[in-house]
């Protein structure tokens, strides 16, 4: 009888190899989903630094309240 399984001549080792390959692919996809879905930033300190500069410029009177609110919204500052 001819099996349609591509690695039928390896026996059970091919099955375990397939299981581990699928597990690795699933874990990789889960990692990518969590990394990009949660909005992980590679350089979070740079965003905080930009917000601090924005606050200083507003406090010094260099920019108006409207400009401050617009830039704050663009930078997603708290």
PDB file of N, CA and C in Angstrom:
ATOM      1  N   UNK A   1       0.844  -1.176   0.000  1.00  0.00           N
ATOM      2  CA  UNK A   1       0.000   0.000   0.000  1.00  0.00           C
ATOM      3  C   UNK A   1       0.889   1.239   0.000  1.00  0.00           C
ATOM      4  N   UNK A   2       0.558   2.200  -0.828  1.00  0.00           N
ATOM      5  CA  UNK A   2       1.332   3.439  -0.941  1.00  0.00           C
ATOM      6  C   UNK A   2       0.658   4.495  -0.085  1.00  0.00           C
ATOM      7  N   UNK A   3       1.455   5.092   0.792  1.00  0.00           N
ATOM      8  CA  UNK A   3       0.932   6.161   1.640  1.00  0.00           C
ATOM      9  C   UNK A   3       1.146   7.500   0.950  1.00  0.00           C
ATOM     10  N   UNK A   4       0.261   8.416   1.203  1.00  0.00           N
ATOM     11  CA  UNK A   4       0.399   9.741   0.639  1.00  0.00           C
ATOM     12  C   UNK A   4       1.210  10.667   1.553  1.00  0.00           C
ATOM     13  N   UNK A   5       1.565  10.156   2.694  1.00  0.00           N
ATOM     14  CA  UNK A   5       2.409  10.907   3.610  1.00  0.00           C
ATOM     15  C   UNK A   5       3.792  11.038   2.977  1.00  0.00           C
ATOM     16  N   UNK A   6       4.342  12.243   2.868  1.00  0.00           N
ATOM     17  CA  UNK A   6       5.585  12.413   2.102  1.00  0.00           C
ATOM     18  C   UNK A   6       6.797  11.715   2.720  1.00  0.00           C
ATOM     19  N   UNK A   7       6.789  11.457   4.016  1.00  0.00           N
ATOM     20  CA  UNK A   7       7.951  10.837   4.654  1.00  0.00           C
ATOM     21  C   UNK A   7       7.591   9.490   5.266  1.00  0.00           C
ATOM     22  N   UNK A   8       6.839   8.706   4.578  1.00  0.00           N
ATOM     23  CA  UNK A   8       6.366   7.446   5.152  1.00  0.00           C
ATOM     24  C   UNK A   8       7.503   6.484   5.430  1.00  0.00           C
ATOM     25  N   UNK A   9       8.634   6.622   4.734  1.00  0.00           N
ATOM     26  CA  UNK A   9       9.740   5.669   4.926  1.00  0.00           C
ATOM     27  C   UNK A   9      10.537   5.955   6.196  1.00  0.00           C
ATOM     28  N   UNK A  10      10.353   7.124   6.836  1.00  0.00           N
ATOM     29  CA  UNK A  10      11.051   7.429   8.075  1.00  0.00           C
ATOM     30  C   UNK A  10      10.303   6.923   9.308  1.00  0.00           C
ATOM     31  N   UNK A  11       9.084   6.540   9.162  1.00  0.00           N
ATOM     32  CA  UNK A  11       8.317   6.026  10.288  1.00  0.00           C
ATOM     33  C   UNK A  11       7.919   7.117  11.248  1.00  0.00           C
ATOM     34  N   UNK A  12       8.043   6.831  12.537  1.00  0.00           N
ATOM     35  CA  UNK A  12       7.576   7.768  13.558  1.00  0.00           C
ATOM     36  C   UNK A  12       8.450   9.010  13.663  1.00  0.00           C
ATOM     37  N   UNK A  13       9.694   8.940  13.223  1.00  0.00           N
ATOM     38  CA  UNK A  13      10.560  10.111  13.331  1.00  0.00           C
ATOM     39  C   UNK A  13      10.062  11.266  12.466  1.00  0.00           C
ATOM     40  N   UNK A  14       9.508  10.950  11.343  1.00  0.00           N
ATOM     41  CA  UNK A  14       8.967  11.998  10.479  1.00  0.00           C
ATOM     42  C   UNK A  14       7.776  12.677  11.134  1.00  0.00           C
ATOM     43  N   UNK A  15       6.967  11.913  11.842  1.00  0.00           N
ATOM     44  CA  UNK A  15       5.819  12.498  12.523  1.00  0.00           C
ATOM     45  C   UNK A  15       6.271  13.463  13.606  1.00  0.00           C
ATOM     46  N   UNK A  16       7.252  13.064  14.408  1.00  0.00           N
ATOM     47  CA  UNK A  16       7.746  13.941  15.466  1.00  0.00           C
ATOM     48  C   UNK A  16       8.427  15.171  14.881  1.00  0.00           C
ATOM     49  N   UNK A  17       9.114  14.999  13.780  1.00  0.00           N
ATOM     50  CA  UNK A  17       9.736  16.135  13.119  1.00  0.00           C
ATOM     51  C   UNK A  17       8.676  17.128  12.650  1.00  0.00           C
ATOM     52  N   UNK A  18       7.618  16.612  12.094  1.00  0.00           N
ATOM     53  CA  UNK A  18       6.520  17.470  11.647  1.00  0.00           C
ATOM     54  C   UNK A  18       5.881  18.198  12.830  1.00  0.00           C
ATOM     55  N   UNK A  19       5.681  17.494  13.929  1.00  0.00           N
ATOM     56  CA  UNK A  19       5.084  18.102  15.123  1.00  0.00           C
ATOM     57  C   UNK A  19       5.969  19.235  15.642  1.00  0.00           C
ATOM     58  N   UNK A  20       7.272  19.004  15.733  1.00  0.00           N
ATOM     59  CA  UNK A  20       8.171  20.038  16.242  1.00  0.00           C
ATOM     60  C   UNK A  20       8.290  21.216  15.268  1.00  0.00           C
ATOM     61  N   UNK A  21       8.270  20.931  13.973  1.00  0.00           N
ATOM     62  CA  UNK A  21       8.290  22.013  12.990  1.00  0.00           C
ATOM     63  C   UNK A  21       7.040  22.876  13.121  1.00  0.00           C
ATOM     64  N   UNK A  22       5.893  22.262  13.230  1.00  0.00           N
ATOM     65  CA  UNK A  22       4.648  23.020  13.384  1.00  0.00           C
ATOM     66  C   UNK A  22       4.628  23.799  14.696  1.00  0.00           C
ATOM     67  N   UNK A  23       5.130  23.189  15.770  1.00  0.00           N
ATOM     68  CA  UNK A  23       5.183  23.885  17.057  1.00  0.00           C
ATOM     69  C   UNK A  23       6.087  25.112  16.961  1.00  0.00           C
ATOM     70  N   UNK A  24       7.218  24.979  16.277  1.00  0.00           N
ATOM     71  CA  UNK A  24       8.123  26.111  16.106  1.00  0.00           C
ATOM     72  C   UNK A  24       7.491  27.229  15.299  1.00  0.00           C
ATOM     73  N   UNK A  25       6.797  26.867  14.242  1.00  0.00           N
ATOM     74  CA  UNK A  25       6.132  27.872  13.414  1.00  0.00           C
ATOM     75  C   UNK A  25       5.039  28.576  14.205  1.00  0.00           C
ATOM     76  N   UNK A  26       4.268  27.821  14.963  1.00  0.00           N
ATOM     77  CA  UNK A  26       3.192  28.413  15.769  1.00  0.00           C
ATOM     78  C   UNK A  26       3.767  29.361  16.819  1.00  0.00           C
ATOM     79  N   UNK A  27       4.837  28.951  17.496  1.00  0.00           N
ATOM     80  CA  UNK A  27       5.454  29.821  18.502  1.00  0.00           C
ATOM     81  C   UNK A  27       6.011  31.094  17.869  1.00  0.00           C
ATOM     82  N   UNK A  28       6.581  30.969  16.697  1.00  0.00           N
ATOM     83  CA  UNK A  28       7.113  32.136  16.008  1.00  0.00           C
ATOM     84  C   UNK A  28       5.997  33.110  15.633  1.00  0.00           C
ATOM     85  N   UNK A  29       4.898  32.594  15.142  1.00  0.00           N
ATOM     86  CA  UNK A  29       3.754  33.443  14.778  1.00  0.00           C
ATOM     87  C   UNK A  29       3.176  34.112  16.023  1.00  0.00           C
ATOM     88  N   UNK A  30       3.084  33.388  17.125  1.00  0.00           N
ATOM     89  CA  UNK A  30       2.582  33.966  18.374  1.00  0.00           C
ATOM     90  C   UNK A  30       3.513  35.079  18.846  1.00  0.00           C
ATOM     91  N   UNK A  31       4.820  34.844  18.756  1.00  0.00           N
ATOM     92  CA  UNK A  31       5.789  35.866  19.141  1.00  0.00           C
ATOM     93  C   UNK A  31       5.619  37.121  18.295  1.00  0.00           C
ATOM     94  N   UNK A  32       5.509  36.958  16.984  1.00  0.00           N
ATOM     95  CA  UNK A  32       5.329  38.114  16.108  1.00  0.00           C
ATOM     96  C   UNK A  32       4.037  38.859  16.433  1.00  0.00           C
ATOM     97  N   UNK A  33       2.968  38.125  16.689  1.00  0.00           N
ATOM     98  CA  UNK A  33       1.697  38.747  17.025  1.00  0.00           C
ATOM     99  C   UNK A  33       1.822  39.568  18.308  1.00  0.00           C
ATOM    100  N   UNK A  34       2.405  38.984  19.342  1.00  0.00           N
ATOM    101  CA  UNK A  34       2.536  39.697  20.607  1.00  0.00           C
ATOM    102  C   UNK A  34       3.460  40.900  20.475  1.00  0.00           C
ATOM    103  N   UNK A  35       4.514  40.756  19.700  1.00  0.00           N
ATOM    104  CA  UNK A  35       5.474  41.842  19.543  1.00  0.00           C
ATOM    105  C   UNK A  35       4.846  43.042  18.847  1.00  0.00           C
ATOM    106  N   UNK A  36       4.127  42.805  17.763  1.00  0.00           N
ATOM    107  CA  UNK A  36       3.581  43.907  17.002  1.00  0.00           C
ATOM    108  C   UNK A  36       2.203  44.352  17.482  1.00  0.00           C
ATOM    109  N   UNK A  37       1.419  43.458  18.054  1.00  0.00           N
ATOM    110  CA  UNK A  37       0.079  43.817  18.509  1.00  0.00           C
ATOM    111  C   UNK A  37       0.125  44.695  19.750  1.00  0.00           C
ATOM    112  N   UNK A  38       1.041  44.425  20.647  1.00  0.00           N
ATOM    113  CA  UNK A  38       1.112  45.191  21.886  1.00  0.00           C
ATOM    114  C   UNK A  38       1.822  46.516  21.709  1.00  0.00           C
ATOM    115  N   UNK A  39       2.283  46.797  20.513  1.00  0.00           N
ATOM    116  CA  UNK A  39       2.931  48.080  20.262  1.00  0.00           C
ATOM    117  C   UNK A  39       4.267  48.212  20.943  1.00  0.00           C
ATOM    118  N   UNK A  40       5.022  47.152  20.997  1.00  0.00           N
ATOM    119  CA  UNK A  40       6.333  47.201  21.632  1.00  0.00           C
ATOM    120  C   UNK A  40       7.220  48.134  20.822  1.00  0.00           C
ATOM    121  N   UNK A  41       7.814  49.080  21.485  1.00  0.00           N
ATOM    122  CA  UNK A  41       8.707  50.017  20.817  1.00  0.00           C
ATOM    123  C   UNK A  41      10.146  49.558  21.029  1.00  0.00           C
ATOM    124  N   UNK A  42      10.939  49.655  19.985  1.00  0.00           N
ATOM    125  CA  UNK A  42      12.339  49.287  20.115  1.00  0.00           C
ATOM    126  C   UNK A  42      13.108  50.314  20.929  1.00  0.00           C
ATOM    127  N   UNK A  43      12.691  51.576  20.848  1.00  0.00           N
ATOM    128  CA  UNK A  43      13.371  52.649  21.571  1.00  0.00           C
ATOM    129  C   UNK A  43      12.335  53.470  22.329  1.00  0.00           C
ATOM    130  N   UNK A  44      11.786  52.942  23.424  1.00  0.00           N
ATOM    131  CA  UNK A  44      10.736  53.684  24.137  1.00  0.00           C
ATOM    132  C   UNK A  44      11.248  54.973  24.768  1.00  0.00           C
ATOM    133  N   UNK A  45      12.539  55.027  25.129  1.00  0.00           N
ATOM    134  CA  UNK A  45      13.064  56.231  25.765  1.00  0.00           C
ATOM    135  C   UNK A  45      13.069  57.419  24.809  1.00  0.00           C
ATOM    136  N   UNK A  46      13.155  57.160  23.514  1.00  0.00           N
ATOM    137  CA  UNK A  46      13.144  58.254  22.550  1.00  0.00           C
ATOM    138  C   UNK A  46      11.783  58.939  22.510  1.00  0.00           C
ATOM    139  N   UNK A  47      10.712  58.183  22.649  1.00  0.00           N
ATOM    140  CA  UNK A  47       9.387  58.794  22.659  1.00  0.00           C
ATOM    141  C   UNK A  47       9.235  59.649  23.910  1.00  0.00           C
ATOM    142  N   UNK A  48       9.673  59.133  25.053  1.00  0.00           N
ATOM    143  CA  UNK A  48       9.577  59.902  26.292  1.00  0.00           C
ATOM    144  C   UNK A  48      10.427  61.159  26.210  1.00  0.00           C
ATOM    145  N   UNK A  49      11.574  61.044  25.563  1.00  0.00           N
ATOM    146  CA  UNK A  49      12.454  62.186  25.402  1.00  0.00           C
ATOM    147  C   UNK A  49      11.777  63.261  24.546  1.00  0.00           C
ATOM    148  N   UNK A  50      11.111  62.846  23.485  1.00  0.00           N
ATOM    149  CA  UNK A  50      10.415  63.801  22.623  1.00  0.00           C
ATOM    150  C   UNK A  50       9.286  64.487  23.384  1.00  0.00           C
ATOM    151  N   UNK A  51       8.589  63.756  24.222  1.00  0.00           N
ATOM    152  CA  UNK A  51       7.505  64.351  25.018  1.00  0.00           C
ATOM    153  C   UNK A  51       8.053  65.357  26.021  1.00  0.00           C
ATOM    154  N   UNK A  52       9.190  65.053  26.599  1.00  0.00           N
ATOM    155  CA  UNK A  52       9.803  65.984  27.546  1.00  0.00           C
ATOM    156  C   UNK A  52      10.235  67.267  26.846  1.00  0.00           C
ATOM    157  N   UNK A  53      10.801  67.139  25.658  1.00  0.00           N
ATOM    158  CA  UNK A  53      11.193  68.326  24.893  1.00  0.00           C
ATOM    159  C   UNK A  53       9.960  69.148  24.555  1.00  0.00           C
ATOM    160  N   UNK A  54       8.883  68.474  24.164  1.00  0.00           N
ATOM    161  CA  UNK A  54       7.636  69.173  23.847  1.00  0.00           C
ATOM    162  C   UNK A  54       7.120  69.940  25.065  1.00  0.00           C
ATOM    163  N   UNK A  55       7.159  69.315  26.228  1.00  0.00           N
ATOM    164  CA  UNK A  55       6.688  69.982  27.457  1.00  0.00           C
ATOM    165  C   UNK A  55       7.538  71.205  27.782  1.00  0.00           C
ATOM    166  N   UNK A  56       8.859  71.066  27.606  1.00  0.00           N
ATOM    167  CA  UNK A  56       9.748  72.197  27.877  1.00  0.00           C
ATOM    168  C   UNK A  56       9.494  73.360  26.916  1.00  0.00           C
ATOM    169  N   UNK A  57       9.276  73.034  25.643  1.00  0.00           N
ATOM    170  CA  UNK A  57       9.008  74.092  24.657  1.00  0.00           C
ATOM    171  C   UNK A  57       7.700  74.803  24.966  1.00  0.00           C
ATOM    172  N   UNK A  58       6.703  74.053  25.395  1.00  0.00           N
ATOM    173  CA  UNK A  58       5.418  74.670  25.751  1.00  0.00           C
ATOM    174  C   UNK A  58       5.561  75.522  27.010  1.00  0.00           C
ATOM    175  N   UNK A  59       6.309  75.015  27.977  1.00  0.00           N
ATOM    176  CA  UNK A  59       6.507  75.768  29.217  1.00  0.00           C
ATOM    177  C   UNK A  59       7.302  77.048  28.966  1.00  0.00           C
ATOM    178  N   UNK A  60       8.220  77.004  28.014  1.00  0.00           N
ATOM    179  CA  UNK A  60       9.023  78.186  27.700  1.00  0.00           C
ATOM    180  C   UNK A  60       8.268  79.176  26.824  1.00  0.00           C
ATOM    181  N   UNK A  61       7.093  78.782  26.316  1.00  0.00           N
ATOM    182  CA  UNK A  61       6.290  79.674  25.492  1.00  0.00           C
ATOM    183  C   UNK A  61       6.689  79.683  24.027  1.00  0.00           C
ATOM    184  N   UNK A  62       7.458  78.702  23.606  1.00  0.00           N
ATOM    185  CA  UNK A  62       7.904  78.643  22.208  1.00  0.00           C
ATOM    186  C   UNK A  62       6.777  78.208  21.268  1.00  0.00           C
ATOM    187  N   UNK A  63       5.826  77.442  21.784  1.00  0.00           N
ATOM    188  CA  UNK A  63       4.721  76.961  20.952  1.00  0.00           C
ATOM    189  C   UNK A  63       3.396  77.273  21.653  1.00  0.00           C
ATOM    190  N   UNK A  64       2.346  77.383  20.856  1.00  0.00           N
ATOM    191  CA  UNK A  64       1.026  77.688  21.409  1.00  0.00           C
ATOM    192  C   UNK A  64       0.366  76.417  21.951  1.00  0.00           C
ATOM    193  N   UNK A  65      -0.744  76.615  22.650  1.00  0.00           N
ATOM    194  CA  UNK A  65      -1.463  75.480  23.209  1.00  0.00           C
ATOM    195  C   UNK A  65      -1.996  74.569  22.104  1.00  0.00           C
ATOM    196  N   UNK A  66      -2.463  75.155  21.005  1.00  0.00           N
ATOM    197  CA  UNK A  66      -2.977  74.347  19.892  1.00  0.00           C
ATOM    198  C   UNK A  66      -1.869  73.487  19.289  1.00  0.00           C
ATOM    199  N   UNK A  67      -0.695  74.110  19.089  1.00  0.00           N
ATOM    200  CA  UNK A  67       0.443  73.351  18.553  1.00  0.00           C
ATOM    201  C   UNK A  67       0.855  72.245  19.520  1.00  0.00           C
ATOM    202  N   UNK A  68       0.871  72.577  20.810  1.00  0.00           N
ATOM    203  CA  UNK A  68       1.233  71.596  21.832  1.00  0.00           C
ATOM    204  C   UNK A  68       0.289  70.394  21.804  1.00  0.00           C
ATOM    205  N   UNK A  69      -1.009  70.658  21.766  1.00  0.00           N
ATOM    206  CA  UNK A  69      -1.990  69.564  21.748  1.00  0.00           C
ATOM    207  C   UNK A  69      -1.871  68.721  20.490  1.00  0.00           C
ATOM    208  N   UNK A  70      -1.645  69.348  19.347  1.00  0.00           N
ATOM    209  CA  UNK A  70      -1.513  68.618  18.079  1.00  0.00           C
ATOM    210  C   UNK A  70      -0.279  67.709  18.081  1.00  0.00           C
ATOM    211  N   UNK A  71       0.848  68.272  18.509  1.00  0.00           N
ATOM    212  CA  UNK A  71       2.081  67.480  18.538  1.00  0.00           C
ATOM    213  C   UNK A  71       1.981  66.381  19.584  1.00  0.00           C
ATOM    214  N   UNK A  72       1.380  66.693  20.708  1.00  0.00           N
ATOM    215  CA  UNK A  72       1.195  65.699  21.768  1.00  0.00           C
ATOM    216  C   UNK A  72       0.364  64.510  21.266  1.00  0.00           C
ATOM    217  N   UNK A  73      -0.673  64.823  20.511  1.00  0.00           N
ATOM    218  CA  UNK A  73      -1.515  63.765  19.924  1.00  0.00           C
ATOM    219  C   UNK A  73      -0.707  62.945  18.906  1.00  0.00           C
ATOM    220  N   UNK A  74       0.110  63.607  18.094  1.00  0.00           N
ATOM    221  CA  UNK A  74       0.920  62.905  17.098  1.00  0.00           C
ATOM    222  C   UNK A  74       1.962  61.989  17.745  1.00  0.00           C
ATOM    223  N   UNK A  75       2.529  62.431  18.866  1.00  0.00           N
ATOM    224  CA  UNK A  75       3.556  61.634  19.548  1.00  0.00           C
ATOM    225  C   UNK A  75       2.979  60.609  20.513  1.00  0.00           C
ATOM    226  N   UNK A  76       1.676  60.643  20.734  1.00  0.00           N
ATOM    227  CA  UNK A  76       1.009  59.757  21.709  1.00  0.00           C
ATOM    228  C   UNK A  76       1.585  59.938  23.108  1.00  0.00           C
ATOM    229  N   UNK A  77       1.795  61.172  23.485  1.00  0.00           N
ATOM    230  CA  UNK A  77       2.295  61.463  24.833  1.00  0.00           C
ATOM    231  C   UNK A  77       1.151  61.372  25.829  1.00  0.00           C
ATOM    232  N   UNK A  78       1.515  61.081  27.058  1.00  0.00           N
ATOM    233  CA  UNK A  78       0.508  61.000  28.120  1.00  0.00           C
ATOM    234  C   UNK A  78       0.212  62.351  28.684  1.00  0.00           C
TER     235      UNK A  78
END
